[in-house]
Amino acid sequence: MALKVDINEMLETLKQERDELKVKMHLAKMEIQEEWEKAEKEWEHFKAKADEVLEDGKEVAEDVIESAKVVGEELKNAYQRIRERV
């Protein structure tokens, strides 16, 4: 009889842990999705800046280059945060 009680307690404990993890994974997935969407906006911004800097025959102001570098670093950090969560 004690064995059945132990198994039942284990069953309930594992069920609760499973349910909690399921909720946490769902929330993490939503957070990662939000982070990805922000990163995609940063990507578009960076790509536009990079294209401007790399456009043939066009002189580019130093502040535009620096701005592109800053956006690129922000994007790199966003990708790292996403990678750590996955």
PDB file of N, CA and C in Angstrom:
ATOM      1  N   MET A   1       0.816  -1.200   0.000  1.00  0.00           N
ATOM      2  CA  MET A   1       0.000   0.000   0.000  1.00  0.00           C
ATOM      3  C   MET A   1       0.864   1.271   0.000  1.00  0.00           C
ATOM      4  N   ALA A   2       1.958   1.240   0.768  1.00  0.00           N
ATOM      5  CA  ALA A   2       2.846   2.405   0.828  1.00  0.00           C
ATOM      6  C   ALA A   2       3.459   2.679  -0.542  1.00  0.00           C
ATOM      7  N   LEU A   3       3.716   1.638  -1.282  1.00  0.00           N
ATOM      8  CA  LEU A   3       4.288   1.790  -2.620  1.00  0.00           C
ATOM      9  C   LEU A   3       3.321   2.540  -3.532  1.00  0.00           C
ATOM     10  N   LYS A   4       2.040   2.228  -3.431  1.00  0.00           N
ATOM     11  CA  LYS A   4       1.038   2.928  -4.237  1.00  0.00           C
ATOM     12  C   LYS A   4       0.957   4.395  -3.852  1.00  0.00           C
ATOM     13  N   VAL A   5       1.071   4.685  -2.573  1.00  0.00           N
ATOM     14  CA  VAL A   5       1.049   6.080  -2.097  1.00  0.00           C
ATOM     15  C   VAL A   5       2.256   6.822  -2.656  1.00  0.00           C
ATOM     16  N   ASP A   6       3.441   6.198  -2.610  1.00  0.00           N
ATOM     17  CA  ASP A   6       4.660   6.817  -3.142  1.00  0.00           C
ATOM     18  C   ASP A   6       4.531   7.095  -4.635  1.00  0.00           C
ATOM     19  N   ILE A   7       4.015   6.118  -5.358  1.00  0.00           N
ATOM     20  CA  ILE A   7       3.849   6.282  -6.804  1.00  0.00           C
ATOM     21  C   ILE A   7       2.843   7.381  -7.090  1.00  0.00           C
ATOM     22  N   ASN A   8       1.761   7.423  -6.335  1.00  0.00           N
ATOM     23  CA  ASN A   8       0.745   8.455  -6.532  1.00  0.00           C
ATOM     24  C   ASN A   8       1.314   9.841  -6.240  1.00  0.00           C
ATOM     25  N   GLU A   9       2.097   9.978  -5.171  1.00  0.00           N
ATOM     26  CA  GLU A   9       2.730  11.262  -4.848  1.00  0.00           C
ATOM     27  C   GLU A   9       3.696  11.673  -5.951  1.00  0.00           C
ATOM     28  N   MET A  10       4.476  10.712  -6.437  1.00  0.00           N
ATOM     29  CA  MET A  10       5.422  10.993  -7.523  1.00  0.00           C
ATOM     30  C   MET A  10       4.656  11.431  -8.773  1.00  0.00           C
ATOM     31  N   LEU A  11       3.571  10.739  -9.059  1.00  0.00           N
ATOM     32  CA  LEU A  11       2.747  11.084 -10.213  1.00  0.00           C
ATOM     33  C   LEU A  11       2.250  12.524 -10.117  1.00  0.00           C
ATOM     34  N   GLU A  12       1.748  12.906  -8.962  1.00  0.00           N
ATOM     35  CA  GLU A  12       1.228  14.259  -8.776  1.00  0.00           C
ATOM     36  C   GLU A  12       2.339  15.306  -8.845  1.00  0.00           C
ATOM     37  N   THR A  13       3.475  15.001  -8.244  1.00  0.00           N
ATOM     38  CA  THR A  13       4.613  15.936  -8.281  1.00  0.00           C
ATOM     39  C   THR A  13       5.094  16.137  -9.711  1.00  0.00           C
ATOM     40  N   LEU A  14       5.252  15.041 -10.436  1.00  0.00           N
ATOM     41  CA  LEU A  14       5.722  15.138 -11.820  1.00  0.00           C
ATOM     42  C   LEU A  14       4.699  15.827 -12.715  1.00  0.00           C
ATOM     43  N   LYS A  15       3.430  15.583 -12.463  1.00  0.00           N
ATOM     44  CA  LYS A  15       2.380  16.243 -13.242  1.00  0.00           C
ATOM     45  C   LYS A  15       2.437  17.752 -13.032  1.00  0.00           C
ATOM     46  N   GLN A  16       2.594  18.174 -11.779  1.00  0.00           N
ATOM     47  CA  GLN A  16       2.677  19.604 -11.479  1.00  0.00           C
ATOM     48  C   GLN A  16       3.917  20.217 -12.126  1.00  0.00           C
ATOM     49  N   GLU A  17       5.056  19.542 -12.013  1.00  0.00           N
ATOM     50  CA  GLU A  17       6.293  20.043 -12.620  1.00  0.00           C
ATOM     51  C   GLU A  17       6.158  20.138 -14.137  1.00  0.00           C
ATOM     52  N   ARG A  18       5.548  19.125 -14.719  1.00  0.00           N
ATOM     53  CA  ARG A  18       5.325  19.102 -16.173  1.00  0.00           C
ATOM     54  C   ARG A  18       4.465  20.286 -16.598  1.00  0.00           C
ATOM     55  N   ASP A  19       3.374  20.514 -15.875  1.00  0.00           N
ATOM     56  CA  ASP A  19       2.478  21.620 -16.210  1.00  0.00           C
ATOM     57  C   ASP A  19       3.178  22.969 -16.092  1.00  0.00           C
ATOM     58  N   GLU A  20       3.979  23.133 -15.032  1.00  0.00           N
ATOM     59  CA  GLU A  20       4.717  24.389 -14.846  1.00  0.00           C
ATOM     60  C   GLU A  20       5.718  24.611 -15.973  1.00  0.00           C
ATOM     61  N   LEU A  21       6.434  23.565 -16.344  1.00  0.00           N
ATOM     62  CA  LEU A  21       7.407  23.683 -17.431  1.00  0.00           C
ATOM     63  C   LEU A  21       6.732  23.986 -18.763  1.00  0.00           C
ATOM     64  N   LYS A  22       5.589  23.405 -18.974  1.00  0.00           N
ATOM     65  CA  LYS A  22       4.842  23.642 -20.205  1.00  0.00           C
ATOM     66  C   LYS A  22       4.465  25.124 -20.321  1.00  0.00           C
ATOM     67  N   VAL A  23       4.015  25.714 -19.219  1.00  0.00           N
ATOM     68  CA  VAL A  23       3.660  27.134 -19.208  1.00  0.00           C
ATOM     69  C   VAL A  23       4.900  27.994 -19.428  1.00  0.00           C
ATOM     70  N   LYS A  24       5.994  27.658 -18.734  1.00  0.00           N
ATOM     71  CA  LYS A  24       7.234  28.427 -18.880  1.00  0.00           C
ATOM     72  C   LYS A  24       7.762  28.368 -20.311  1.00  0.00           C
ATOM     73  N   MET A  25       7.679  27.200 -20.940  1.00  0.00           N
ATOM     74  CA  MET A  25       8.143  27.072 -22.324  1.00  0.00           C
ATOM     75  C   MET A  25       7.279  27.914 -23.261  1.00  0.00           C
ATOM     76  N   HIS A  26       5.994  27.928 -23.011  1.00  0.00           N
ATOM     77  CA  HIS A  26       5.100  28.732 -23.848  1.00  0.00           C
ATOM     78  C   HIS A  26       5.445  30.215 -23.714  1.00  0.00           C
ATOM     79  N   LEU A  27       5.651  30.669 -22.480  1.00  0.00           N
ATOM     80  CA  LEU A  27       6.007  32.068 -22.261  1.00  0.00           C
ATOM     81  C   LEU A  27       7.362  32.400 -22.878  1.00  0.00           C
ATOM     82  N   ALA A  28       8.311  31.486 -22.745  1.00  0.00           N
ATOM     83  CA  ALA A  28       9.636  31.706 -23.337  1.00  0.00           C
ATOM     84  C   ALA A  28       9.533  31.808 -24.854  1.00  0.00           C
ATOM     85  N   LYS A  29       8.699  30.969 -25.433  1.00  0.00           N
ATOM     86  CA  LYS A  29       8.514  31.006 -26.881  1.00  0.00           C
ATOM     87  C   LYS A  29       7.958  32.366 -27.315  1.00  0.00           C
ATOM     88  N   MET A  30       7.011  32.884 -26.546  1.00  0.00           N
ATOM     89  CA  MET A  30       6.437  34.183 -26.872  1.00  0.00           C
ATOM     90  C   MET A  30       7.483  35.287 -26.739  1.00  0.00           C
ATOM     91  N   GLU A  31       8.315  35.210 -25.691  1.00  0.00           N
ATOM     92  CA  GLU A  31       9.370  36.209 -25.494  1.00  0.00           C
ATOM     93  C   GLU A  31      10.392  36.159 -26.623  1.00  0.00           C
ATOM     94  N   ILE A  32      10.771  34.949 -27.020  1.00  0.00           N
ATOM     95  CA  ILE A  32      11.726  34.804 -28.120  1.00  0.00           C
ATOM     96  C   ILE A  32      11.134  35.360 -29.412  1.00  0.00           C
ATOM     97  N   GLN A  33       9.858  35.105 -29.649  1.00  0.00           N
ATOM     98  CA  GLN A  33       9.194  35.616 -30.853  1.00  0.00           C
ATOM     99  C   GLN A  33       9.204  37.139 -30.866  1.00  0.00           C
ATOM    100  N   GLU A  34       8.913  37.741 -29.726  1.00  0.00           N
ATOM    101  CA  GLU A  34       8.940  39.202 -29.629  1.00  0.00           C
ATOM    102  C   GLU A  34      10.344  39.739 -29.891  1.00  0.00           C
ATOM    103  N   GLU A  35      11.337  39.089 -29.298  1.00  0.00           N
ATOM    104  CA  GLU A  35      12.728  39.495 -29.499  1.00  0.00           C
ATOM    105  C   GLU A  35      13.108  39.366 -30.974  1.00  0.00           C
ATOM    106  N   TRP A  36      12.649  38.285 -31.617  1.00  0.00           N
ATOM    107  CA  TRP A  36      12.944  38.076 -33.031  1.00  0.00           C
ATOM    108  C   TRP A  36      12.322  39.174 -33.883  1.00  0.00           C
ATOM    109  N   GLU A  37      11.090  39.531 -33.585  1.00  0.00           N
ATOM    110  CA  GLU A  37      10.413  40.572 -34.354  1.00  0.00           C
ATOM    111  C   GLU A  37      11.140  41.912 -34.221  1.00  0.00           C
ATOM    112  N   LYS A  38      11.620  42.214 -33.022  1.00  0.00           N
ATOM    113  CA  LYS A  38      12.412  43.434 -32.830  1.00  0.00           C
ATOM    114  C   LYS A  38      13.713  43.353 -33.627  1.00  0.00           C
ATOM    115  N   ALA A  39      14.334  42.176 -33.592  1.00  0.00           N
ATOM    116  CA  ALA A  39      15.589  41.986 -34.325  1.00  0.00           C
ATOM    117  C   ALA A  39      15.371  42.139 -35.824  1.00  0.00           C
ATOM    118  N   GLU A  40      14.238  41.684 -36.325  1.00  0.00           N
ATOM    119  CA  GLU A  40      13.942  41.826 -37.752  1.00  0.00           C
ATOM    120  C   GLU A  40      13.837  43.303 -38.150  1.00  0.00           C
ATOM    121  N   LYS A  41      13.254  44.112 -37.288  1.00  0.00           N
ATOM    122  CA  LYS A  41      13.185  45.551 -37.557  1.00  0.00           C
ATOM    123  C   LYS A  41      14.582  46.150 -37.553  1.00  0.00           C
ATOM    124  N   GLU A  42      15.407  45.711 -36.584  1.00  0.00           N
ATOM    125  CA  GLU A  42      16.795  46.177 -36.530  1.00  0.00           C
ATOM    126  C   GLU A  42      17.539  45.747 -37.795  1.00  0.00           C
ATOM    127  N   TRP A  43      17.275  44.525 -38.271  1.00  0.00           N
ATOM    128  CA  TRP A  43      17.917  44.018 -39.480  1.00  0.00           C
ATOM    129  C   TRP A  43      17.599  44.919 -40.676  1.00  0.00           C
ATOM    130  N   GLU A  44      16.325  45.250 -40.827  1.00  0.00           N
ATOM    131  CA  GLU A  44      15.924  46.107 -41.946  1.00  0.00           C
ATOM    132  C   GLU A  44      16.609  47.468 -41.859  1.00  0.00           C
ATOM    133  N   HIS A  45      16.688  48.003 -40.645  1.00  0.00           N
ATOM    134  CA  HIS A  45      17.350  49.297 -40.433  1.00  0.00           C
ATOM    135  C   HIS A  45      18.844  49.182 -40.759  1.00  0.00           C
ATOM    136  N   PHE A  46      19.474  48.121 -40.264  1.00  0.00           N
ATOM    137  CA  PHE A  46      20.894  47.914 -40.533  1.00  0.00           C
ATOM    138  C   PHE A  46      21.162  47.708 -42.011  1.00  0.00           C
ATOM    139  N   LYS A  47      20.335  46.897 -42.654  1.00  0.00           N
ATOM    140  CA  LYS A  47      20.520  46.622 -44.078  1.00  0.00           C
ATOM    141  C   LYS A  47      20.451  47.905 -44.895  1.00  0.00           C
ATOM    142  N   ALA A  48      19.487  48.769 -44.553  1.00  0.00           N
ATOM    143  CA  ALA A  48      19.363  50.049 -45.263  1.00  0.00           C
ATOM    144  C   ALA A  48      20.614  50.901 -45.059  1.00  0.00           C
ATOM    145  N   LYS A  49      21.093  50.953 -43.824  1.00  0.00           N
ATOM    146  CA  LYS A  49      22.304  51.735 -43.534  1.00  0.00           C
ATOM    147  C   LYS A  49      23.509  51.142 -44.254  1.00  0.00           C
ATOM    148  N   ALA A  50      23.639  49.823 -44.212  1.00  0.00           N
ATOM    149  CA  ALA A  50      24.773  49.155 -44.859  1.00  0.00           C
ATOM    150  C   ALA A  50      24.735  49.388 -46.367  1.00  0.00           C
ATOM    151  N   ASP A  51      23.556  49.282 -46.961  1.00  0.00           N
ATOM    152  CA  ASP A  51      23.426  49.528 -48.402  1.00  0.00           C
ATOM    153  C   ASP A  51      23.840  50.948 -48.744  1.00  0.00           C
ATOM    154  N   GLU A  52      23.457  51.891 -47.884  1.00  0.00           N
ATOM    155  CA  GLU A  52      23.828  53.292 -48.107  1.00  0.00           C
ATOM    156  C   GLU A  52      25.336  53.467 -48.051  1.00  0.00           C
ATOM    157  N   VAL A  53      25.963  52.822 -47.065  1.00  0.00           N
ATOM    158  CA  VAL A  53      27.414  52.925 -46.907  1.00  0.00           C
ATOM    159  C   VAL A  53      28.137  52.251 -48.067  1.00  0.00           C
ATOM    160  N   LEU A  54      27.620  51.120 -48.519  1.00  0.00           N
ATOM    161  CA  LEU A  54      28.313  50.327 -49.534  1.00  0.00           C
ATOM    162  C   LEU A  54      27.975  50.706 -50.969  1.00  0.00           C
ATOM    163  N   GLU A  55      27.041  51.619 -51.140  1.00  0.00           N
ATOM    164  CA  GLU A  55      26.638  52.010 -52.493  1.00  0.00           C
ATOM    165  C   GLU A  55      27.837  52.555 -53.263  1.00  0.00           C
ATOM    166  N   ASP A  56      28.038  52.004 -54.457  1.00  0.00           N
ATOM    167  CA  ASP A  56      29.184  52.390 -55.292  1.00  0.00           C
ATOM    168  C   ASP A  56      29.137  53.869 -55.656  1.00  0.00           C
ATOM    169  N   GLY A  57      30.313  54.487 -55.561  1.00  0.00           N
ATOM    170  CA  GLY A  57      30.462  55.856 -56.028  1.00  0.00           C
ATOM    171  C   GLY A  57      29.835  56.915 -55.145  1.00  0.00           C
ATOM    172  N   LYS A  58      29.345  56.533 -53.994  1.00  0.00           N
ATOM    173  CA  LYS A  58      28.686  57.516 -53.143  1.00  0.00           C
ATOM    174  C   LYS A  58      29.555  57.806 -51.926  1.00  0.00           C
ATOM    175  N   GLU A  59      29.808  59.072 -51.698  1.00  0.00           N
ATOM    176  CA  GLU A  59      30.524  59.482 -50.494  1.00  0.00           C
ATOM    177  C   GLU A  59      29.539  59.466 -49.339  1.00  0.00           C
ATOM    178  N   VAL A  60      29.976  58.897 -48.230  1.00  0.00           N
ATOM    179  CA  VAL A  60      29.089  58.763 -47.083  1.00  0.00           C
ATOM    180  C   VAL A  60      29.701  59.477 -45.890  1.00  0.00           C
ATOM    181  N   ALA A  61      28.864  60.208 -45.185  1.00  0.00           N
ATOM    182  CA  ALA A  61      29.324  60.928 -44.011  1.00  0.00           C
ATOM    183  C   ALA A  61      29.736  59.943 -42.917  1.00  0.00           C
ATOM    184  N   GLU A  62      30.702  60.348 -42.132  1.00  0.00           N
ATOM    185  CA  GLU A  62      31.213  59.507 -41.052  1.00  0.00           C
ATOM    186  C   GLU A  62      30.122  59.142 -40.047  1.00  0.00           C
ATOM    187  N   ASP A  63      29.188  60.056 -39.820  1.00  0.00           N
ATOM    188  CA  ASP A  63      28.125  59.771 -38.849  1.00  0.00           C
ATOM    189  C   ASP A  63      27.188  58.665 -39.351  1.00  0.00           C
ATOM    190  N   VAL A  64      27.016  58.551 -40.662  1.00  0.00           N
ATOM    191  CA  VAL A  64      26.192  57.477 -41.223  1.00  0.00           C
ATOM    192  C   VAL A  64      26.888  56.135 -41.010  1.00  0.00           C
ATOM    193  N   ILE A  65      28.190  56.112 -41.202  1.00  0.00           N
ATOM    194  CA  ILE A  65      28.971  54.890 -40.988  1.00  0.00           C
ATOM    195  C   ILE A  65      28.910  54.483 -39.521  1.00  0.00           C
ATOM    196  N   GLU A  66      29.104  55.436 -38.636  1.00  0.00           N
ATOM    197  CA  GLU A  66      29.042  55.146 -37.202  1.00  0.00           C
ATOM    198  C   GLU A  66      27.654  54.661 -36.801  1.00  0.00           C
ATOM    199  N   SER A  67      26.642  55.253 -37.368  1.00  0.00           N
ATOM    200  CA  SER A  67      25.269  54.842 -37.085  1.00  0.00           C
ATOM    201  C   SER A  67      25.046  53.400 -37.526  1.00  0.00           C
ATOM    202  N   ALA A  68      25.566  53.044 -38.684  1.00  0.00           N
ATOM    203  CA  ALA A  68      25.442  51.675 -39.183  1.00  0.00           C
ATOM    204  C   ALA A  68      26.147  50.697 -38.243  1.00  0.00           C
ATOM    205  N   LYS A  69      27.308  51.090 -37.734  1.00  0.00           N
ATOM    206  CA  LYS A  69      28.032  50.236 -36.803  1.00  0.00           C
ATOM    207  C   LYS A  69      27.245  50.027 -35.508  1.00  0.00           C
ATOM    208  N   VAL A  70      26.647  51.093 -35.003  1.00  0.00           N
ATOM    209  CA  VAL A  70      25.867  50.997 -33.767  1.00  0.00           C
ATOM    210  C   VAL A  70      24.673  50.067 -33.956  1.00  0.00           C
ATOM    211  N   VAL A  71      23.964  50.247 -35.052  1.00  0.00           N
ATOM    212  CA  VAL A  71      22.798  49.394 -35.334  1.00  0.00           C
ATOM    213  C   VAL A  71      23.254  47.948 -35.506  1.00  0.00           C
ATOM    214  N   GLY A  72      24.373  47.739 -36.170  1.00  0.00           N
ATOM    215  CA  GLY A  72      24.904  46.386 -36.355  1.00  0.00           C
ATOM    216  C   GLY A  72      25.251  45.727 -35.025  1.00  0.00           C
ATOM    217  N   GLU A  73      25.839  46.470 -34.109  1.00  0.00           N
ATOM    218  CA  GLU A  73      26.164  45.922 -32.787  1.00  0.00           C
ATOM    219  C   GLU A  73      24.895  45.593 -32.007  1.00  0.00           C
ATOM    220  N   GLU A  74      23.886  46.445 -32.093  1.00  0.00           N
ATOM    221  CA  GLU A  74      22.612  46.175 -31.421  1.00  0.00           C
ATOM    222  C   GLU A  74      21.982  44.894 -31.973  1.00  0.00           C
ATOM    223  N   LEU A  75      22.049  44.731 -33.265  1.00  0.00           N
ATOM    224  CA  LEU A  75      21.497  43.535 -33.904  1.00  0.00           C
ATOM    225  C   LEU A  75      22.279  42.289 -33.480  1.00  0.00           C
ATOM    226  N   LYS A  76      23.581  42.398 -33.433  1.00  0.00           N
ATOM    227  CA  LYS A  76      24.433  41.293 -32.993  1.00  0.00           C
ATOM    228  C   LYS A  76      24.056  40.874 -31.573  1.00  0.00           C
ATOM    229  N   ASN A  77      23.852  41.848 -30.693  1.00  0.00           N
ATOM    230  CA  ASN A  77      23.464  41.555 -29.313  1.00  0.00           C
ATOM    231  C   ASN A  77      22.084  40.904 -29.246  1.00  0.00           C
ATOM    232  N   ALA A  78      21.162  41.370 -30.060  1.00  0.00           N
ATOM    233  CA  ALA A  78      19.817  40.784 -30.096  1.00  0.00           C
ATOM    234  C   ALA A  78      19.890  39.327 -30.539  1.00  0.00           C
ATOM    235  N   TYR A  79      20.677  39.036 -31.568  1.00  0.00           N
ATOM    236  CA  TYR A  79      20.831  37.659 -32.030  1.00  0.00           C
ATOM    237  C   TYR A  79      21.448  36.788 -30.939  1.00  0.00           C
ATOM    238  N   GLN A  80      22.396  37.334 -30.185  1.00  0.00           N
ATOM    239  CA  GLN A  80      23.031  36.583 -29.103  1.00  0.00           C
ATOM    240  C   GLN A  80      22.010  36.264 -28.009  1.00  0.00           C
ATOM    241  N   ARG A  81      21.166  37.232 -27.655  1.00  0.00           N
ATOM    242  CA  ARG A  81      20.133  36.989 -26.637  1.00  0.00           C
ATOM    243  C   ARG A  81      19.177  35.888 -27.093  1.00  0.00           C
ATOM    244  N   ILE A  82      18.800  35.931 -28.351  1.00  0.00           N
ATOM    245  CA  ILE A  82      17.886  34.902 -28.890  1.00  0.00           C
ATOM    246  C   ILE A  82      18.585  33.554 -28.851  1.00  0.00           C
ATOM    247  N   ARG A  83      19.826  33.498 -29.284  1.00  0.00           N
ATOM    248  CA  ARG A  83      20.586  32.242 -29.307  1.00  0.00           C
ATOM    249  C   ARG A  83      20.677  31.637 -27.917  1.00  0.00           C
ATOM    250  N   GLU A  84      20.879  32.473 -26.899  1.00  0.00           N
ATOM    251  CA  GLU A  84      21.013  31.982 -25.518  1.00  0.00           C
ATOM    252  C   GLU A  84      19.701  31.403 -25.008  1.00  0.00           C
ATOM    253  N   ARG A  85      18.582  31.892 -25.518  1.00  0.00           N
ATOM    254  CA  ARG A  85      17.278  31.425 -25.044  1.00  0.00           C
ATOM    255  C   ARG A  85      16.789  30.176 -25.771  1.00  0.00           C
ATOM    256  N   VAL A  86      17.358  29.935 -26.935  1.00  0.00           N
ATOM    257  CA  VAL A  86      16.895  28.789 -27.731  1.00  0.00           C
ATOM    258  C   VAL A  86      17.535  27.529 -27.296  1.00  0.00           C
TER     259      VAL A  86
END
